[in-house]
Amino acid sequence: MSITITAFERSPDGGMGLARDTRVRWALEEAGLPYAVRPVSFSAMKAPAHLAIHPFGQIPTYEEGELVLFESGAIIFHIAAHHPGLLPEDSNARARAVMWMFAALNTVEPPILELATAKFQEGGKSWSRERLPLVAERIRQRLGQLSARLGDAEWLDGQFSAGDLTMVSVLLRSRPSGILDEFPRLAAYVARGEARPAYQRAFADQQAFNTGRSPAA
């Protein structure tokens, strides 16, 4: 059965790979699965047709036959659980990979997204200047803890897994703030993820999608 995902018709980041469809594209590339992308405009995201598959009016979504999924973490887990390459065979290592997926989405990503909200949606508020340093410090706390746990290891738990894919995708969203560069081990970890051929293909495809150029251009 063919796979179709949705993505912003034109991503707010201009094709820098920060939108959540990129992490789903990356998982599909790691699994060697072909897929199609259906563009969705901001107005179409709130229309009944899209709300029928994503009740919160966001992207990405995943359609494969009768299966329809939303939430990037759930989509990545589905891909990883049904195709080799993203979850270890050992049951304990597999459980830890899923644990790191949850940690990325529930512990590390929220303060990173909060900073973006504080800057771009609340920047005009009288209290915004006082709040921004507090949010940035929460990010630093989380990244410091993660960096200490990673240490000098290549990946979070032995071999590369869906846990690393999700974590790298989340950490990429902290790069524009400059905070990621304050943690050299994490910056190098992210660079290793970006160097993977599957990520390179996913990034090139989403960038071409957003700019209208061929991935090879």
C-alpha atoms as a PDB file:
ATOM      1  CA  MET A   1       0.000   0.000   0.000  1.00  0.00           C
ATOM      2  CA  SER A   2       1.262   3.467  -0.860  1.00  0.00           C
ATOM      3  CA  ILE A   3       2.101   5.989   1.850  1.00  0.00           C
ATOM      4  CA  THR A   4       1.066   9.642   1.761  1.00  0.00           C
ATOM      5  CA  ILE A   5       2.086  12.269   4.302  1.00  0.00           C
ATOM      6  CA  THR A   6       1.015  15.882   4.574  1.00  0.00           C
ATOM      7  CA  ALA A   7       3.294  18.894   4.883  1.00  0.00           C
ATOM      8  CA  PHE A   8       2.971  22.668   4.873  1.00  0.00           C
ATOM      9  CA  GLU A   9       2.358  23.958   1.369  1.00  0.00           C
ATOM     10  CA  ARG A  10       5.062  26.483   2.296  1.00  0.00           C
ATOM     11  CA  SER A  11       6.768  25.886   5.623  1.00  0.00           C
ATOM     12  CA  PRO A  12       7.168  28.890   7.953  1.00  0.00           C
ATOM     13  CA  ASP A  13      10.889  28.054   8.214  1.00  0.00           C
ATOM     14  CA  GLY A  14      11.368  28.394   4.463  1.00  0.00           C
ATOM     15  CA  GLY A  15      12.617  24.845   4.005  1.00  0.00           C
ATOM     16  CA  MET A  16      15.148  24.641   6.842  1.00  0.00           C
ATOM     17  CA  GLY A  17      13.795  21.264   7.938  1.00  0.00           C
ATOM     18  CA  LEU A  18      12.377  22.342  11.293  1.00  0.00           C
ATOM     19  CA  ALA A  19       8.756  21.445  10.553  1.00  0.00           C
ATOM     20  CA  ARG A  20       7.673  18.064  11.864  1.00  0.00           C
ATOM     21  CA  ASP A  21       7.134  16.508   8.443  1.00  0.00           C
ATOM     22  CA  THR A  22      10.948  16.359   8.105  1.00  0.00           C
ATOM     23  CA  ARG A  23      11.290  13.885  10.972  1.00  0.00           C
ATOM     24  CA  VAL A  24       8.641  11.672   9.388  1.00  0.00           C
ATOM     25  CA  ARG A  25      10.375  11.904   6.001  1.00  0.00           C
ATOM     26  CA  TRP A  26      13.625  10.924   7.739  1.00  0.00           C
ATOM     27  CA  ALA A  27      12.048   7.849   9.315  1.00  0.00           C
ATOM     28  CA  LEU A  28      10.615   6.797   5.958  1.00  0.00           C
ATOM     29  CA  GLU A  29      14.022   7.241   4.329  1.00  0.00           C
ATOM     30  CA  GLU A  30      15.743   5.205   7.066  1.00  0.00           C
ATOM     31  CA  ALA A  31      13.205   2.434   6.464  1.00  0.00           C
ATOM     32  CA  GLY A  32      13.633   2.662   2.687  1.00  0.00           C
ATOM     33  CA  LEU A  33       9.948   3.342   2.105  1.00  0.00           C
ATOM     34  CA  PRO A  34       8.653   5.357  -0.858  1.00  0.00           C
ATOM     35  CA  TYR A  35       6.046   7.988  -0.054  1.00  0.00           C
ATOM     36  CA  ALA A  36       4.083  10.847  -1.539  1.00  0.00           C
ATOM     37  CA  VAL A  37       3.578  14.282   0.002  1.00  0.00           C
ATOM     38  CA  ARG A  38       0.294  16.172  -0.117  1.00  0.00           C
ATOM     39  CA  PRO A  39       0.734  19.914   0.458  1.00  0.00           C
ATOM     40  CA  VAL A  40      -1.676  21.604   2.842  1.00  0.00           C
ATOM     41  CA  SER A  41      -2.126  25.377   3.031  1.00  0.00           C
ATOM     42  CA  PHE A  42      -2.760  27.146   6.334  1.00  0.00           C
ATOM     43  CA  SER A  43      -6.399  27.655   5.428  1.00  0.00           C
ATOM     44  CA  ALA A  44      -6.807  24.041   4.307  1.00  0.00           C
ATOM     45  CA  MET A  45      -5.366  22.831   7.626  1.00  0.00           C
ATOM     46  CA  LYS A  46      -8.479  24.198   9.354  1.00  0.00           C
ATOM     47  CA  ALA A  47     -10.938  22.950   6.741  1.00  0.00           C
ATOM     48  CA  PRO A  48     -13.217  19.942   7.403  1.00  0.00           C
ATOM     49  CA  ALA A  49     -11.349  17.614   5.021  1.00  0.00           C
ATOM     50  CA  HIS A  50      -8.069  17.973   6.905  1.00  0.00           C
ATOM     51  CA  LEU A  51      -9.704  18.101  10.334  1.00  0.00           C
ATOM     52  CA  ALA A  52     -11.206  14.713   9.549  1.00  0.00           C
ATOM     53  CA  ILE A  53      -7.712  13.204   9.594  1.00  0.00           C
ATOM     54  CA  HIS A  54      -6.080  15.584  12.079  1.00  0.00           C
ATOM     55  CA  PRO A  55      -8.568  16.968  14.617  1.00  0.00           C
ATOM     56  CA  PHE A  56      -6.140  19.687  15.742  1.00  0.00           C
ATOM     57  CA  GLY A  57      -5.548  21.023  12.256  1.00  0.00           C
ATOM     58  CA  GLN A  58      -1.806  20.456  12.077  1.00  0.00           C
ATOM     59  CA  ILE A  59       0.775  18.539  10.056  1.00  0.00           C
ATOM     60  CA  PRO A  60       2.048  15.946   9.429  1.00  0.00           C
ATOM     61  CA  THR A  61      -0.423  13.170   8.886  1.00  0.00           C
ATOM     62  CA  TYR A  62       0.234   9.673   7.581  1.00  0.00           C
ATOM     63  CA  GLU A  63      -2.075   7.629   5.363  1.00  0.00           C
ATOM     64  CA  GLU A  64      -1.458   4.041   4.327  1.00  0.00           C
ATOM     65  CA  GLY A  65      -4.493   2.174   3.048  1.00  0.00           C
ATOM     66  CA  GLU A  66      -7.145   2.397   5.754  1.00  0.00           C
ATOM     67  CA  LEU A  67      -4.660   3.551   8.385  1.00  0.00           C
ATOM     68  CA  VAL A  68      -4.618   7.270   9.150  1.00  0.00           C
ATOM     69  CA  LEU A  69      -2.264   8.666  11.810  1.00  0.00           C
ATOM     70  CA  PHE A  70      -1.362  12.077  13.176  1.00  0.00           C
ATOM     71  CA  GLU A  71       1.347  13.167  15.682  1.00  0.00           C
ATOM     72  CA  SER A  72       4.908  12.804  14.408  1.00  0.00           C
ATOM     73  CA  GLY A  73       5.979  10.608  17.324  1.00  0.00           C
ATOM     74  CA  ALA A  74       3.171   8.125  16.717  1.00  0.00           C
ATOM     75  CA  ILE A  75       3.972   8.059  13.009  1.00  0.00           C
ATOM     76  CA  ILE A  76       7.684   7.458  13.604  1.00  0.00           C
ATOM     77  CA  PHE A  77       6.900   4.701  16.090  1.00  0.00           C
ATOM     78  CA  HIS A  78       4.560   3.024  13.599  1.00  0.00           C
ATOM     79  CA  ILE A  79       7.211   3.115  10.888  1.00  0.00           C
ATOM     80  CA  ALA A  80       9.903   1.854  13.263  1.00  0.00           C
ATOM     81  CA  ALA A  81       7.732  -0.925  14.665  1.00  0.00           C
ATOM     82  CA  HIS A  82       6.823  -2.326  11.259  1.00  0.00           C
ATOM     83  CA  HIS A  83      10.078  -1.943   9.344  1.00  0.00           C
ATOM     84  CA  PRO A  84      13.679  -2.856  10.266  1.00  0.00           C
ATOM     85  CA  GLY A  85      16.378  -0.329  11.007  1.00  0.00           C
ATOM     86  CA  LEU A  86      14.921   2.005  13.615  1.00  0.00           C
ATOM     87  CA  LEU A  87      14.316  -0.211  16.633  1.00  0.00           C
ATOM     88  CA  PRO A  88      16.746  -2.784  18.097  1.00  0.00           C
ATOM     89  CA  GLU A  89      15.794  -6.438  18.090  1.00  0.00           C
ATOM     90  CA  ASP A  90      16.650  -6.867  21.786  1.00  0.00           C
ATOM     91  CA  SER A  91      13.478  -6.181  23.762  1.00  0.00           C
ATOM     92  CA  ASN A  92      15.177  -4.126  26.480  1.00  0.00           C
ATOM     93  CA  ALA A  93      17.088  -1.985  23.982  1.00  0.00           C
ATOM     94  CA  ARG A  94      13.865  -1.580  22.011  1.00  0.00           C
ATOM     95  CA  ALA A  95      12.052  -0.334  25.108  1.00  0.00           C
ATOM     96  CA  ARG A  96      14.841   2.153  25.806  1.00  0.00           C
ATOM     97  CA  ALA A  97      14.679   3.482  22.238  1.00  0.00           C
ATOM     98  CA  VAL A  98      10.961   4.147  22.709  1.00  0.00           C
ATOM     99  CA  MET A  99      11.759   5.760  26.072  1.00  0.00           C
ATOM    100  CA  TRP A 100      14.104   8.210  24.330  1.00  0.00           C
ATOM    101  CA  MET A 101      11.388   9.039  21.817  1.00  0.00           C
ATOM    102  CA  PHE A 102       9.087   9.988  24.685  1.00  0.00           C
ATOM    103  CA  ALA A 103      11.871  11.935  26.386  1.00  0.00           C
ATOM    104  CA  ALA A 104      12.536  13.925  23.221  1.00  0.00           C
ATOM    105  CA  LEU A 105       8.901  14.860  22.702  1.00  0.00           C
ATOM    106  CA  ASN A 106       7.735  15.247  26.311  1.00  0.00           C
ATOM    107  CA  THR A 107      10.798  16.517  28.183  1.00  0.00           C
ATOM    108  CA  VAL A 108      13.200  18.194  25.755  1.00  0.00           C
ATOM    109  CA  GLU A 109      10.925  19.673  23.086  1.00  0.00           C
ATOM    110  CA  PRO A 110       8.376  21.614  25.238  1.00  0.00           C
ATOM    111  CA  PRO A 111      10.766  24.342  26.492  1.00  0.00           C
ATOM    112  CA  ILE A 112      12.270  24.683  22.994  1.00  0.00           C
ATOM    113  CA  LEU A 113       8.818  25.308  21.558  1.00  0.00           C
ATOM    114  CA  GLU A 114       7.989  27.601  24.455  1.00  0.00           C
ATOM    115  CA  LEU A 115      10.909  29.844  23.505  1.00  0.00           C
ATOM    116  CA  ALA A 116       9.621  30.140  19.944  1.00  0.00           C
ATOM    117  CA  THR A 117       6.164  31.020  21.269  1.00  0.00           C
ATOM    118  CA  ALA A 118       7.617  33.586  23.665  1.00  0.00           C
ATOM    119  CA  LYS A 119       9.594  35.243  20.864  1.00  0.00           C
ATOM    120  CA  PHE A 120       7.173  35.241  17.975  1.00  0.00           C
ATOM    121  CA  GLN A 121       3.692  35.157  19.507  1.00  0.00           C
ATOM    122  CA  GLU A 122       4.222  36.910  22.825  1.00  0.00           C
ATOM    123  CA  GLY A 123       7.104  39.213  21.900  1.00  0.00           C
ATOM    124  CA  GLY A 124       4.923  42.312  22.054  1.00  0.00           C
ATOM    125  CA  LYS A 125       3.711  41.678  25.595  1.00  0.00           C
ATOM    126  CA  SER A 126       5.000  43.893  28.384  1.00  0.00           C
ATOM    127  CA  TRP A 127       6.278  40.905  30.335  1.00  0.00           C
ATOM    128  CA  SER A 128       7.992  39.176  27.393  1.00  0.00           C
ATOM    129  CA  ARG A 129      11.509  40.532  28.080  1.00  0.00           C
ATOM    130  CA  GLU A 130      11.430  39.138  31.607  1.00  0.00           C
ATOM    131  CA  ARG A 131      10.073  35.773  30.492  1.00  0.00           C
ATOM    132  CA  LEU A 132      12.499  35.021  27.659  1.00  0.00           C
ATOM    133  CA  PRO A 133      15.588  34.466  29.860  1.00  0.00           C
ATOM    134  CA  LEU A 134      13.601  32.134  32.104  1.00  0.00           C
ATOM    135  CA  VAL A 135      12.483  30.003  29.169  1.00  0.00           C
ATOM    136  CA  ALA A 136      16.007  29.947  27.726  1.00  0.00           C
ATOM    137  CA  GLU A 137      17.361  28.789  31.076  1.00  0.00           C
ATOM    138  CA  ARG A 138      14.879  25.901  31.127  1.00  0.00           C
ATOM    139  CA  ILE A 139      16.222  24.807  27.744  1.00  0.00           C
ATOM    140  CA  ARG A 140      19.797  25.010  29.008  1.00  0.00           C
ATOM    141  CA  GLN A 141      18.884  22.896  32.017  1.00  0.00           C
ATOM    142  CA  ARG A 142      17.425  20.153  29.837  1.00  0.00           C
ATOM    143  CA  LEU A 143      20.259  20.238  27.318  1.00  0.00           C
ATOM    144  CA  GLY A 144      22.814  20.142  30.114  1.00  0.00           C
ATOM    145  CA  GLN A 145      21.182  17.045  31.557  1.00  0.00           C
ATOM    146  CA  LEU A 146      20.992  15.405  28.139  1.00  0.00           C
ATOM    147  CA  SER A 147      24.605  16.261  27.337  1.00  0.00           C
ATOM    148  CA  ALA A 148      25.756  14.729  30.621  1.00  0.00           C
ATOM    149  CA  ARG A 149      23.857  11.525  29.847  1.00  0.00           C
ATOM    150  CA  LEU A 150      25.143  11.310  26.261  1.00  0.00           C
ATOM    151  CA  GLY A 151      28.744  11.927  27.308  1.00  0.00           C
ATOM    152  CA  ASP A 152      31.147  10.877  24.565  1.00  0.00           C
ATOM    153  CA  ALA A 153      28.835   8.214  23.147  1.00  0.00           C
ATOM    154  CA  GLU A 154      27.903   8.308  19.479  1.00  0.00           C
ATOM    155  CA  TRP A 155      24.209   7.657  20.086  1.00  0.00           C
ATOM    156  CA  LEU A 156      21.939   7.595  23.119  1.00  0.00           C
ATOM    157  CA  ASP A 157      21.889   3.830  23.643  1.00  0.00           C
ATOM    158  CA  GLY A 158      24.365   1.980  21.478  1.00  0.00           C
ATOM    159  CA  GLN A 159      23.177   1.845  17.875  1.00  0.00           C
ATOM    160  CA  PHE A 160      21.225   4.566  16.113  1.00  0.00           C
ATOM    161  CA  SER A 161      17.493   4.207  16.680  1.00  0.00           C
ATOM    162  CA  ALA A 162      14.165   5.988  16.429  1.00  0.00           C
ATOM    163  CA  GLY A 163      15.051   7.510  19.793  1.00  0.00           C
ATOM    164  CA  ASP A 164      18.029   9.285  18.229  1.00  0.00           C
ATOM    165  CA  LEU A 165      16.057  10.278  15.144  1.00  0.00           C
ATOM    166  CA  THR A 166      13.411  11.924  17.302  1.00  0.00           C
ATOM    167  CA  MET A 167      15.898  13.548  19.672  1.00  0.00           C
ATOM    168  CA  VAL A 168      18.048  14.992  16.878  1.00  0.00           C
ATOM    169  CA  SER A 169      14.921  16.353  15.185  1.00  0.00           C
ATOM    170  CA  VAL A 170      13.918  18.070  18.409  1.00  0.00           C
ATOM    171  CA  LEU A 171      17.391  19.460  19.113  1.00  0.00           C
ATOM    172  CA  LEU A 172      17.564  20.939  15.617  1.00  0.00           C
ATOM    173  CA  ARG A 173      14.775  23.278  16.657  1.00  0.00           C
ATOM    174  CA  SER A 174      17.048  24.782  19.312  1.00  0.00           C
ATOM    175  CA  ARG A 175      19.747  25.705  16.794  1.00  0.00           C
ATOM    176  CA  PRO A 176      18.255  29.046  15.621  1.00  0.00           C
ATOM    177  CA  SER A 177      18.395  30.357  19.198  1.00  0.00           C
ATOM    178  CA  GLY A 178      22.106  29.590  19.430  1.00  0.00           C
ATOM    179  CA  ILE A 179      21.591  27.532  22.587  1.00  0.00           C
ATOM    180  CA  LEU A 180      22.500  24.235  20.940  1.00  0.00           C
ATOM    181  CA  ASP A 181      26.006  25.550  20.206  1.00  0.00           C
ATOM    182  CA  GLU A 182      26.552  26.045  23.945  1.00  0.00           C
ATOM    183  CA  PHE A 183      26.651  22.244  24.268  1.00  0.00           C
ATOM    184  CA  PRO A 184      29.402  20.918  21.967  1.00  0.00           C
ATOM    185  CA  ARG A 185      28.606  17.261  22.606  1.00  0.00           C
ATOM    186  CA  LEU A 186      24.986  17.767  21.593  1.00  0.00           C
ATOM    187  CA  ALA A 187      25.951  19.900  18.604  1.00  0.00           C
ATOM    188  CA  ALA A 188      28.234  17.077  17.433  1.00  0.00           C
ATOM    189  CA  TYR A 189      25.467  14.527  18.108  1.00  0.00           C
ATOM    190  CA  VAL A 190      23.067  16.513  15.945  1.00  0.00           C
ATOM    191  CA  ALA A 191      25.698  16.813  13.219  1.00  0.00           C
ATOM    192  CA  ARG A 192      26.071  13.016  13.209  1.00  0.00           C
ATOM    193  CA  GLY A 193      22.344  12.682  12.704  1.00  0.00           C
ATOM    194  CA  GLU A 194      22.361  15.227   9.877  1.00  0.00           C
ATOM    195  CA  ALA A 195      25.231  13.361   8.202  1.00  0.00           C
ATOM    196  CA  ARG A 196      23.192  10.181   7.825  1.00  0.00           C
ATOM    197  CA  PRO A 197      22.296   9.578   4.154  1.00  0.00           C
ATOM    198  CA  ALA A 198      18.634   9.075   5.034  1.00  0.00           C
ATOM    199  CA  TYR A 199      18.511  12.477   6.724  1.00  0.00           C
ATOM    200  CA  GLN A 200      20.272  14.078   3.771  1.00  0.00           C
ATOM    201  CA  ARG A 201      17.633  12.680   1.412  1.00  0.00           C
ATOM    202  CA  ALA A 202      14.766  13.731   3.663  1.00  0.00           C
ATOM    203  CA  PHE A 203      16.133  17.247   4.078  1.00  0.00           C
ATOM    204  CA  ALA A 204      16.762  17.664   0.360  1.00  0.00           C
ATOM    205  CA  ASP A 205      13.269  16.478  -0.489  1.00  0.00           C
ATOM    206  CA  GLN A 206      11.532  18.781   1.984  1.00  0.00           C
ATOM    207  CA  GLN A 207      13.696  21.730   0.921  1.00  0.00           C
ATOM    208  CA  ALA A 208      12.864  21.102  -2.740  1.00  0.00           C
ATOM    209  CA  PHE A 209       9.204  20.811  -1.778  1.00  0.00           C
ATOM    210  CA  ASN A 210       9.330  24.234  -0.124  1.00  0.00           C
ATOM    211  CA  THR A 211      11.426  26.008  -2.736  1.00  0.00           C
ATOM    212  CA  GLY A 212      10.042  24.386  -5.870  1.00  0.00           C
ATOM    213  CA  ARG A 213      13.494  23.171  -6.919  1.00  0.00           C
ATOM    214  CA  SER A 214      14.623  19.665  -7.758  1.00  0.00           C
ATOM    215  CA  PRO A 215      16.417  17.940  -4.824  1.00  0.00           C
ATOM    216  CA  ALA A 216      19.468  17.612  -7.047  1.00  0.00           C
ATOM    217  CA  ALA A 217      19.486  21.279  -8.055  1.00  0.00           C
END
